[in-house]
Amino acid sequence: MNLLNSLRTLGKGLLAGDFKKTGKIERDLNKTLLQLKIIKSRYSNRKLKGTDNVADLMEEGINLYIEAISDFMLFFKDKDREHISEGLFKAEEADDILLSIEDIILQNKEKFKELSLS
């Protein structure tokens, strides 16, 4: 299951009041937040020449996921349901951006393949 689907499932459960104890969920979200920050740091340190557009998109997608999870964490503090909605909106945007990167990479692979066959 990808991060977006996990957040959708979690958001639905939180809004429905399905979770009585949220300590483990909060710890898991904090771990995910830390992992995303590590990925962002490692990725930003490895930018290759000519990949600026993809790198910028990747950073934007990761930042949106970080913001999404942060919104979920705010929900645990004040129970404002709007945080879940905002978080899910940002996660959707992040997923769209990351999927667009995948498309760019696949298109470039096809172009290189065509060039090598010529």
Protein backbone atom coordinates (compact mmCIF):
# COMPACT_ATOMS: atom_id res chain seq x y z
CA MET A 1 0.00 0.00 0.00
CA ASN A 2 1.42 3.40 -0.90
CA LEU A 3 1.57 6.41 1.38
CA LEU A 4 -1.43 8.16 -0.17
CA ASN A 5 -3.68 5.13 0.30
CA SER A 6 -2.41 4.67 3.86
CA LEU A 7 -3.25 8.28 4.67
CA ARG A 8 -6.68 7.95 3.06
CA THR A 9 -7.44 4.89 5.16
CA LEU A 10 -6.10 6.53 8.30
CA GLY A 11 -7.99 9.77 7.63
CA LYS A 12 -11.25 7.92 7.11
CA GLY A 13 -10.75 5.99 10.34
CA LEU A 14 -9.83 9.08 12.33
CA LEU A 15 -12.84 11.01 11.08
CA ALA A 16 -15.11 8.07 11.90
CA GLY A 17 -13.65 7.81 15.40
CA ASP A 18 -12.46 4.26 14.80
CA PHE A 19 -9.31 4.68 16.91
CA LYS A 20 -9.59 5.04 20.67
CA LYS A 21 -5.85 5.06 21.32
CA THR A 22 -3.72 6.99 18.86
CA GLY A 23 -0.27 6.81 20.48
CA LYS A 24 1.02 4.14 18.10
CA ILE A 25 -0.44 5.97 15.09
CA GLU A 26 1.29 9.18 16.15
CA ARG A 27 4.60 7.34 16.60
CA ASP A 28 4.24 5.71 13.18
CA LEU A 29 3.47 9.07 11.56
CA ASN A 30 6.50 10.61 13.28
CA LYS A 31 8.66 7.78 11.92
CA THR A 32 7.27 8.36 8.43
CA LEU A 33 7.89 12.08 8.78
CA LEU A 34 11.49 11.41 9.76
CA GLN A 35 11.97 9.02 6.84
CA LEU A 36 10.61 11.60 4.40
CA LYS A 37 12.97 14.22 5.79
CA ILE A 38 15.90 11.82 5.38
CA ILE A 39 14.87 11.03 1.80
CA LYS A 40 14.54 14.74 1.05
CA SER A 41 17.98 15.44 2.49
CA ARG A 42 19.65 12.59 0.62
CA TYR A 43 17.90 13.46 -2.62
CA SER A 44 18.71 17.16 -2.48
CA ASN A 45 22.38 16.31 -1.95
CA ARG A 46 22.46 14.17 -5.13
CA LYS A 47 21.10 16.51 -7.77
CA LEU A 48 22.59 15.64 -11.12
CA LYS A 49 23.34 18.13 -13.84
CA GLY A 50 20.37 18.46 -16.18
CA THR A 51 17.83 17.11 -13.71
CA ASP A 52 16.79 20.40 -12.12
CA ASN A 53 13.13 20.16 -13.17
CA VAL A 54 12.73 16.62 -11.91
CA ALA A 55 14.64 17.43 -8.72
CA ASP A 56 12.42 20.45 -8.06
CA LEU A 57 9.30 18.35 -8.61
CA MET A 58 10.63 15.62 -6.33
CA GLU A 59 11.36 18.13 -3.59
CA GLU A 60 7.90 19.67 -3.96
CA GLY A 61 6.24 16.25 -3.76
CA ILE A 62 8.20 15.25 -0.66
CA ASN A 63 7.49 18.63 0.97
CA LEU A 64 3.77 18.18 0.35
CA TYR A 65 3.83 14.73 1.95
CA ILE A 66 5.71 16.20 4.94
CA GLU A 67 3.06 18.92 5.23
CA ALA A 68 0.29 16.34 4.87
CA ILE A 69 1.59 14.24 7.73
CA SER A 70 2.15 17.37 9.80
CA ASP A 71 -1.52 18.22 9.26
CA PHE A 72 -2.49 14.78 10.56
CA MET A 73 -0.30 15.38 13.62
CA LEU A 74 -2.12 18.67 14.25
CA PHE A 75 -5.39 16.74 14.27
CA PHE A 76 -4.14 14.75 17.27
CA LYS A 77 -3.50 17.99 19.15
CA ASP A 78 -6.77 19.83 18.58
CA LYS A 79 -9.14 17.30 16.91
CA ASP A 80 -9.92 19.83 14.15
CA ARG A 81 -11.22 17.66 11.31
CA GLU A 82 -10.07 20.27 8.79
CA HIS A 83 -6.47 19.11 9.40
CA ILE A 84 -7.36 15.69 7.97
CA SER A 85 -8.96 17.26 4.90
CA GLU A 86 -5.97 19.57 4.36
CA GLY A 87 -3.56 16.68 4.87
CA LEU A 88 -5.36 14.48 2.37
CA PHE A 89 -5.49 17.31 -0.18
CA LYS A 90 -1.72 17.81 0.15
CA ALA A 91 -1.09 14.06 -0.06
CA GLU A 92 -3.15 13.90 -3.28
CA GLU A 93 -1.09 16.76 -4.71
CA ALA A 94 2.14 15.07 -3.66
CA ASP A 95 1.11 11.81 -5.26
CA ASP A 96 0.16 13.57 -8.51
CA ILE A 97 3.54 15.28 -8.62
CA LEU A 98 5.45 12.07 -7.96
CA LEU A 99 3.43 10.25 -10.63
CA SER A 100 4.28 13.02 -13.10
CA ILE A 101 7.97 12.42 -12.35
CA GLU A 102 7.49 8.74 -13.10
CA ASP A 103 5.89 9.68 -16.43
CA ILE A 104 8.79 12.01 -17.29
CA ILE A 105 11.30 9.28 -16.55
CA LEU A 106 9.41 6.73 -18.65
CA GLN A 107 9.18 9.18 -21.56
CA ASN A 108 12.89 9.88 -21.36
CA LYS A 109 13.67 6.17 -21.28
CA GLU A 110 11.65 5.72 -24.46
CA LYS A 111 13.48 8.60 -26.14
CA PHE A 112 16.86 7.15 -25.21
CA LYS A 113 15.77 3.74 -26.39
CA GLU A 114 14.72 5.19 -29.75
CA LEU A 115 18.02 7.07 -30.05
CA SER A 116 20.04 3.95 -29.30
CA LEU A 117 18.12 1.96 -31.92
CA SER A 118 18.68 4.61 -34.59
